[in-house]
Amino acid sequence: MKPQDSKIYQDWFDKADHDLEAAKILFQDDAFMDVVGYHLHQAIEKYLKGFFALQ
Protein backbone atom coordinates (compact mmCIF):
# COMPACT_ATOMS: atom_id res chain seq x y z
CA MET A 1 0.00 0.00 0.00
CA LYS A 2 1.34 3.41 -0.94
CA PRO A 3 1.45 6.23 1.64
CA GLN A 4 -0.94 8.25 -0.53
CA ASP A 5 -3.55 5.52 -0.21
CA SER A 6 -3.57 5.59 3.57
CA LYS A 7 -3.45 9.40 3.76
CA ILE A 8 -0.49 9.39 6.14
CA TYR A 9 0.56 12.71 4.65
CA GLN A 10 -2.76 14.27 5.68
CA ASP A 11 -2.18 13.26 9.31
CA TRP A 12 1.15 15.12 9.24
CA PHE A 13 -0.44 18.16 7.60
CA ASP A 14 -3.22 18.21 10.21
CA LYS A 15 -0.69 18.08 13.06
CA ALA A 16 1.33 20.84 11.41
CA ASP A 17 -1.81 22.97 11.09
CA HIS A 18 -2.38 22.60 14.84
CA ASP A 19 1.16 23.73 15.63
CA LEU A 20 0.79 26.69 13.27
CA GLU A 21 -2.51 27.70 14.86
CA ALA A 22 -0.97 27.49 18.34
CA ALA A 23 1.89 29.73 17.19
CA LYS A 24 -0.57 32.27 15.77
CA ILE A 25 -2.58 32.41 19.00
CA LEU A 26 0.53 32.83 21.14
CA PHE A 27 1.92 35.46 18.77
CA GLN A 28 -1.30 37.50 18.89
CA ASP A 29 -1.17 37.50 22.69
CA ASP A 30 2.46 38.72 22.47
CA ALA A 31 3.46 36.06 24.95
CA PHE A 32 6.17 33.43 25.11
CA MET A 33 7.95 34.19 21.85
CA ASP A 34 10.26 31.23 22.46
CA VAL A 35 7.22 28.93 22.44
CA VAL A 36 5.96 30.62 19.25
CA GLY A 37 9.29 29.78 17.62
CA TYR A 38 9.08 26.22 18.91
CA HIS A 39 5.63 25.67 17.40
CA LEU A 40 6.70 27.21 14.10
CA HIS A 41 9.69 24.89 13.98
CA GLN A 42 7.49 21.89 14.73
CA ALA A 43 4.99 22.93 12.05
CA ILE A 44 7.73 23.17 9.42
CA GLU A 45 9.08 19.73 10.32
CA LYS A 46 5.62 18.17 10.16
CA TYR A 47 4.76 19.82 6.83
CA LEU A 48 8.03 18.43 5.45
CA LYS A 49 7.26 14.94 6.77
CA GLY A 50 3.85 15.12 5.10
CA PHE A 51 5.42 16.27 1.86
CA PHE A 52 7.93 13.42 1.91
CA ALA A 53 5.16 10.93 2.70
CA LEU A 54 3.59 11.96 -0.62
CA GLN A 55 6.73 10.92 -2.53
PDB file of N, CA and C in Angstrom:
ATOM      1  N   MET A   1       0.847  -1.182   0.000  1.00  0.00           N
ATOM      2  CA  MET A   1       0.000   0.000   0.000  1.00  0.00           C
ATOM      3  C   MET A   1       0.884   1.234   0.000  1.00  0.00           C
ATOM      4  N   LYS A   2       0.572   2.183  -0.847  1.00  0.00           N
ATOM      5  CA  LYS A   2       1.341   3.410  -0.943  1.00  0.00           C
ATOM      6  C   LYS A   2       0.898   4.387   0.152  1.00  0.00           C
ATOM      7  N   PRO A   3       1.820   5.251   0.610  1.00  0.00           N
ATOM      8  CA  PRO A   3       1.450   6.228   1.641  1.00  0.00           C
ATOM      9  C   PRO A   3       0.266   7.101   1.230  1.00  0.00           C
ATOM     10  N   GLN A   4       0.167   7.416  -0.075  1.00  0.00           N
ATOM     11  CA  GLN A   4      -0.936   8.250  -0.533  1.00  0.00           C
ATOM     12  C   GLN A   4      -2.280   7.584  -0.293  1.00  0.00           C
ATOM     13  N   ASP A   5      -2.304   6.258  -0.387  1.00  0.00           N
ATOM     14  CA  ASP A   5      -3.547   5.521  -0.212  1.00  0.00           C
ATOM     15  C   ASP A   5      -4.059   5.604   1.222  1.00  0.00           C
ATOM     16  N   SER A   6      -3.153   5.596   2.172  1.00  0.00           N
ATOM     17  CA  SER A   6      -3.568   5.594   3.572  1.00  0.00           C
ATOM     18  C   SER A   6      -3.684   7.000   4.144  1.00  0.00           C
ATOM     19  N   LYS A   7      -3.336   7.998   3.356  1.00  0.00           N
ATOM     20  CA  LYS A   7      -3.454   9.403   3.762  1.00  0.00           C
ATOM     21  C   LYS A   7      -2.567   9.745   4.962  1.00  0.00           C
ATOM     22  N   ILE A   8      -1.440   9.082   5.067  1.00  0.00           N
ATOM     23  CA  ILE A   8      -0.493   9.395   6.138  1.00  0.00           C
ATOM     24  C   ILE A   8      -0.065  10.854   6.057  1.00  0.00           C
ATOM     25  N   TYR A   9       0.126  11.325   4.826  1.00  0.00           N
ATOM     26  CA  TYR A   9       0.562  12.706   4.651  1.00  0.00           C
ATOM     27  C   TYR A   9      -0.443  13.684   5.257  1.00  0.00           C
ATOM     28  N   GLN A  10      -1.739  13.366   5.145  1.00  0.00           N
ATOM     29  CA  GLN A  10      -2.762  14.274   5.678  1.00  0.00           C
ATOM     30  C   GLN A  10      -2.695  14.347   7.204  1.00  0.00           C
ATOM     31  N   ASP A  11      -2.361  13.244   7.847  1.00  0.00           N
ATOM     32  CA  ASP A  11      -2.179  13.256   9.305  1.00  0.00           C
ATOM     33  C   ASP A  11      -1.070  14.221   9.692  1.00  0.00           C
ATOM     34  N   TRP A  12       0.051  14.200   8.954  1.00  0.00           N
ATOM     35  CA  TRP A  12       1.152  15.117   9.239  1.00  0.00           C
ATOM     36  C   TRP A  12       0.734  16.560   8.990  1.00  0.00           C
ATOM     37  N   PHE A  13       0.005  16.802   7.900  1.00  0.00           N
ATOM     38  CA  PHE A  13      -0.445  18.161   7.597  1.00  0.00           C
ATOM     39  C   PHE A  13      -1.401  18.672   8.675  1.00  0.00           C
ATOM     40  N   ASP A  14      -2.281  17.811   9.160  1.00  0.00           N
ATOM     41  CA  ASP A  14      -3.216  18.210  10.213  1.00  0.00           C
ATOM     42  C   ASP A  14      -2.469  18.583  11.496  1.00  0.00           C
ATOM     43  N   LYS A  15      -1.475  17.782  11.863  1.00  0.00           N
ATOM     44  CA  LYS A  15      -0.692  18.081  13.065  1.00  0.00           C
ATOM     45  C   LYS A  15       0.080  19.382  12.891  1.00  0.00           C
ATOM     46  N   ALA A  16       0.607  19.595  11.689  1.00  0.00           N
ATOM     47  CA  ALA A  16       1.332  20.836  11.414  1.00  0.00           C
ATOM     48  C   ALA A  16       0.394  22.037  11.505  1.00  0.00           C
ATOM     49  N   ASP A  17      -0.816  21.885  10.999  1.00  0.00           N
ATOM     50  CA  ASP A  17      -1.808  22.968  11.093  1.00  0.00           C
ATOM     51  C   ASP A  17      -2.084  23.336  12.547  1.00  0.00           C
ATOM     52  N   HIS A  18      -2.141  22.339  13.417  1.00  0.00           N
ATOM     53  CA  HIS A  18      -2.383  22.596  14.835  1.00  0.00           C
ATOM     54  C   HIS A  18      -1.227  23.374  15.453  1.00  0.00           C
ATOM     55  N   ASP A  19      -0.004  22.999  15.122  1.00  0.00           N
ATOM     56  CA  ASP A  19       1.157  23.735  15.625  1.00  0.00           C
ATOM     57  C   ASP A  19       1.156  25.168  15.106  1.00  0.00           C
ATOM     58  N   LEU A  20       0.826  25.345  13.848  1.00  0.00           N
ATOM     59  CA  LEU A  20       0.790  26.685  13.271  1.00  0.00           C
ATOM     60  C   LEU A  20      -0.285  27.538  13.943  1.00  0.00           C
ATOM     61  N   GLU A  21      -1.433  26.964  14.192  1.00  0.00           N
ATOM     62  CA  GLU A  21      -2.512  27.696  14.858  1.00  0.00           C
ATOM     63  C   GLU A  21      -2.109  28.082  16.279  1.00  0.00           C
ATOM     64  N   ALA A  22      -1.449  27.177  16.982  1.00  0.00           N
ATOM     65  CA  ALA A  22      -0.966  27.489  18.338  1.00  0.00           C
ATOM     66  C   ALA A  22       0.021  28.645  18.299  1.00  0.00           C
ATOM     67  N   ALA A  23       0.916  28.645  17.315  1.00  0.00           N
ATOM     68  CA  ALA A  23       1.888  29.731  17.187  1.00  0.00           C
ATOM     69  C   ALA A  23       1.193  31.061  16.917  1.00  0.00           C
ATOM     70  N   LYS A  24       0.172  31.042  16.072  1.00  0.00           N
ATOM     71  CA  LYS A  24      -0.569  32.274  15.771  1.00  0.00           C
ATOM     72  C   LYS A  24      -1.242  32.833  17.016  1.00  0.00           C
ATOM     73  N   ILE A  25      -1.873  31.969  17.786  1.00  0.00           N
ATOM     74  CA  ILE A  25      -2.576  32.407  19.002  1.00  0.00           C
ATOM     75  C   ILE A  25      -1.587  33.010  19.993  1.00  0.00           C
ATOM     76  N   LEU A  26      -0.478  32.324  20.212  1.00  0.00           N
ATOM     77  CA  LEU A  26       0.529  32.835  21.141  1.00  0.00           C
ATOM     78  C   LEU A  26       1.138  34.139  20.637  1.00  0.00           C
ATOM     79  N   PHE A  27       1.351  34.249  19.342  1.00  0.00           N
ATOM     80  CA  PHE A  27       1.921  35.461  18.772  1.00  0.00           C
ATOM     81  C   PHE A  27       0.975  36.644  18.945  1.00  0.00           C
ATOM     82  N   GLN A  28      -0.317  36.425  18.739  1.00  0.00           N
ATOM     83  CA  GLN A  28      -1.302  37.502  18.888  1.00  0.00           C
ATOM     84  C   GLN A  28      -1.366  38.003  20.322  1.00  0.00           C
ATOM     85  N   ASP A  29      -1.150  37.109  21.281  1.00  0.00           N
ATOM     86  CA  ASP A  29      -1.166  37.501  22.686  1.00  0.00           C
ATOM     87  C   ASP A  29       0.159  38.117  23.121  1.00  0.00           C
ATOM     88  N   ASP A  30       1.134  38.151  22.191  1.00  0.00           N
ATOM     89  CA  ASP A  30       2.457  38.722  22.465  1.00  0.00           C
ATOM     90  C   ASP A  30       3.082  38.075  23.702  1.00  0.00           C
ATOM     91  N   ALA A  31       2.934  36.766  23.786  1.00  0.00           N
ATOM     92  CA  ALA A  31       3.455  36.055  24.952  1.00  0.00           C
ATOM     93  C   ALA A  31       4.326  34.889  24.508  1.00  0.00           C
ATOM     94  N   PHE A  32       5.338  34.618  25.286  1.00  0.00           N
ATOM     95  CA  PHE A  32       6.168  33.428  25.113  1.00  0.00           C
ATOM     96  C   PHE A  32       6.677  33.271  23.683  1.00  0.00           C
ATOM     97  N   MET A  33       7.445  34.237  23.223  1.00  0.00           N
ATOM     98  CA  MET A  33       7.953  34.189  21.851  1.00  0.00           C
ATOM     99  C   MET A  33       8.831  32.962  21.603  1.00  0.00           C
ATOM    100  N   ASP A  34       9.465  32.449  22.649  1.00  0.00           N
ATOM    101  CA  ASP A  34      10.257  31.231  22.458  1.00  0.00           C
ATOM    102  C   ASP A  34       9.350  30.044  22.129  1.00  0.00           C
ATOM    103  N   VAL A  35       8.168  30.018  22.710  1.00  0.00           N
ATOM    104  CA  VAL A  35       7.220  28.932  22.437  1.00  0.00           C
ATOM    105  C   VAL A  35       6.613  29.112  21.042  1.00  0.00           C
ATOM    106  N   VAL A  36       6.430  30.357  20.614  1.00  0.00           N
ATOM    107  CA  VAL A  36       5.964  30.623  19.252  1.00  0.00           C
ATOM    108  C   VAL A  36       6.964  30.033  18.262  1.00  0.00           C
ATOM    109  N   GLY A  37       8.247  30.313  18.489  1.00  0.00           N
ATOM    110  CA  GLY A  37       9.291  29.775  17.623  1.00  0.00           C
ATOM    111  C   GLY A  37       9.308  28.258  17.627  1.00  0.00           C
ATOM    112  N   TYR A  38       9.105  27.680  18.797  1.00  0.00           N
ATOM    113  CA  TYR A  38       9.082  26.220  18.906  1.00  0.00           C
ATOM    114  C   TYR A  38       7.959  25.632  18.055  1.00  0.00           C
ATOM    115  N   HIS A  39       6.760  26.194  18.163  1.00  0.00           N
ATOM    116  CA  HIS A  39       5.627  25.671  17.400  1.00  0.00           C
ATOM    117  C   HIS A  39       5.813  25.882  15.896  1.00  0.00           C
ATOM    118  N   LEU A  40       6.421  27.001  15.515  1.00  0.00           N
ATOM    119  CA  LEU A  40       6.696  27.212  14.095  1.00  0.00           C
ATOM    120  C   LEU A  40       7.685  26.177  13.575  1.00  0.00           C
ATOM    121  N   HIS A  41       8.699  25.902  14.358  1.00  0.00           N
ATOM    122  CA  HIS A  41       9.690  24.890  13.978  1.00  0.00           C
ATOM    123  C   HIS A  41       9.030  23.523  13.837  1.00  0.00           C
ATOM    124  N   GLN A  42       8.183  23.176  14.791  1.00  0.00           N
ATOM    125  CA  GLN A  42       7.487  21.894  14.732  1.00  0.00           C
ATOM    126  C   GLN A  42       6.574  21.815  13.507  1.00  0.00           C
ATOM    127  N   ALA A  43       5.885  22.913  13.209  1.00  0.00           N
ATOM    128  CA  ALA A  43       4.988  22.930  12.050  1.00  0.00           C
ATOM    129  C   ALA A  43       5.771  22.682  10.766  1.00  0.00           C
ATOM    130  N   ILE A  44       6.918  23.341  10.621  1.00  0.00           N
ATOM    131  CA  ILE A  44       7.728  23.165   9.415  1.00  0.00           C
ATOM    132  C   ILE A  44       8.167  21.716   9.283  1.00  0.00           C
ATOM    133  N   GLU A  45       8.642  21.131  10.366  1.00  0.00           N
ATOM    134  CA  GLU A  45       9.076  19.730  10.320  1.00  0.00           C
ATOM    135  C   GLU A  45       7.931  18.798   9.909  1.00  0.00           C
ATOM    136  N   LYS A  46       6.754  19.048  10.454  1.00  0.00           N
ATOM    137  CA  LYS A  46       5.615  18.168  10.161  1.00  0.00           C
ATOM    138  C   LYS A  46       5.103  18.361   8.732  1.00  0.00           C
ATOM    139  N   TYR A  47       5.126  19.605   8.233  1.00  0.00           N
ATOM    140  CA  TYR A  47       4.761  19.820   6.834  1.00  0.00           C
ATOM    141  C   TYR A  47       5.750  19.087   5.927  1.00  0.00           C
ATOM    142  N   LEU A  48       7.032  19.138   6.251  1.00  0.00           N
ATOM    143  CA  LEU A  48       8.028  18.432   5.446  1.00  0.00           C
ATOM    144  C   LEU A  48       7.816  16.916   5.486  1.00  0.00           C
ATOM    145  N   LYS A  49       7.518  16.387   6.659  1.00  0.00           N
ATOM    146  CA  LYS A  49       7.263  14.944   6.770  1.00  0.00           C
ATOM    147  C   LYS A  49       6.049  14.556   5.924  1.00  0.00           C
ATOM    148  N   GLY A  50       5.026  15.380   5.942  1.00  0.00           N
ATOM    149  CA  GLY A  50       3.854  15.123   5.103  1.00  0.00           C
ATOM    150  C   GLY A  50       4.189  15.168   3.631  1.00  0.00           C
ATOM    151  N   PHE A  51       5.005  16.151   3.259  1.00  0.00           N
ATOM    152  CA  PHE A  51       5.417  16.271   1.864  1.00  0.00           C
ATOM    153  C   PHE A  51       6.199  15.034   1.429  1.00  0.00           C
ATOM    154  N   PHE A  52       7.130  14.598   2.277  1.00  0.00           N
ATOM    155  CA  PHE A  52       7.933  13.424   1.913  1.00  0.00           C
ATOM    156  C   PHE A  52       7.090  12.144   1.912  1.00  0.00           C
ATOM    157  N   ALA A  53       6.049  12.103   2.698  1.00  0.00           N
ATOM    158  CA  ALA A  53       5.163  10.932   2.695  1.00  0.00           C
ATOM    159  C   ALA A  53       4.403  10.833   1.372  1.00  0.00           C
ATOM    160  N   LEU A  54       4.257  11.961   0.689  1.00  0.00           N
ATOM    161  CA  LEU A  54       3.591  11.955  -0.621  1.00  0.00           C
ATOM    162  C   LEU A  54       4.477  11.356  -1.707  1.00  0.00           C
ATOM    163  N   GLN A  55       5.766  11.367  -1.488  1.00  0.00           N
ATOM    164  CA  GLN A  55       6.729  10.917  -2.528  1.00  0.00           C
ATOM    165  C   GLN A  55       6.748   9.427  -2.669  1.00  0.00           C
TER     166      GLN A  55
END
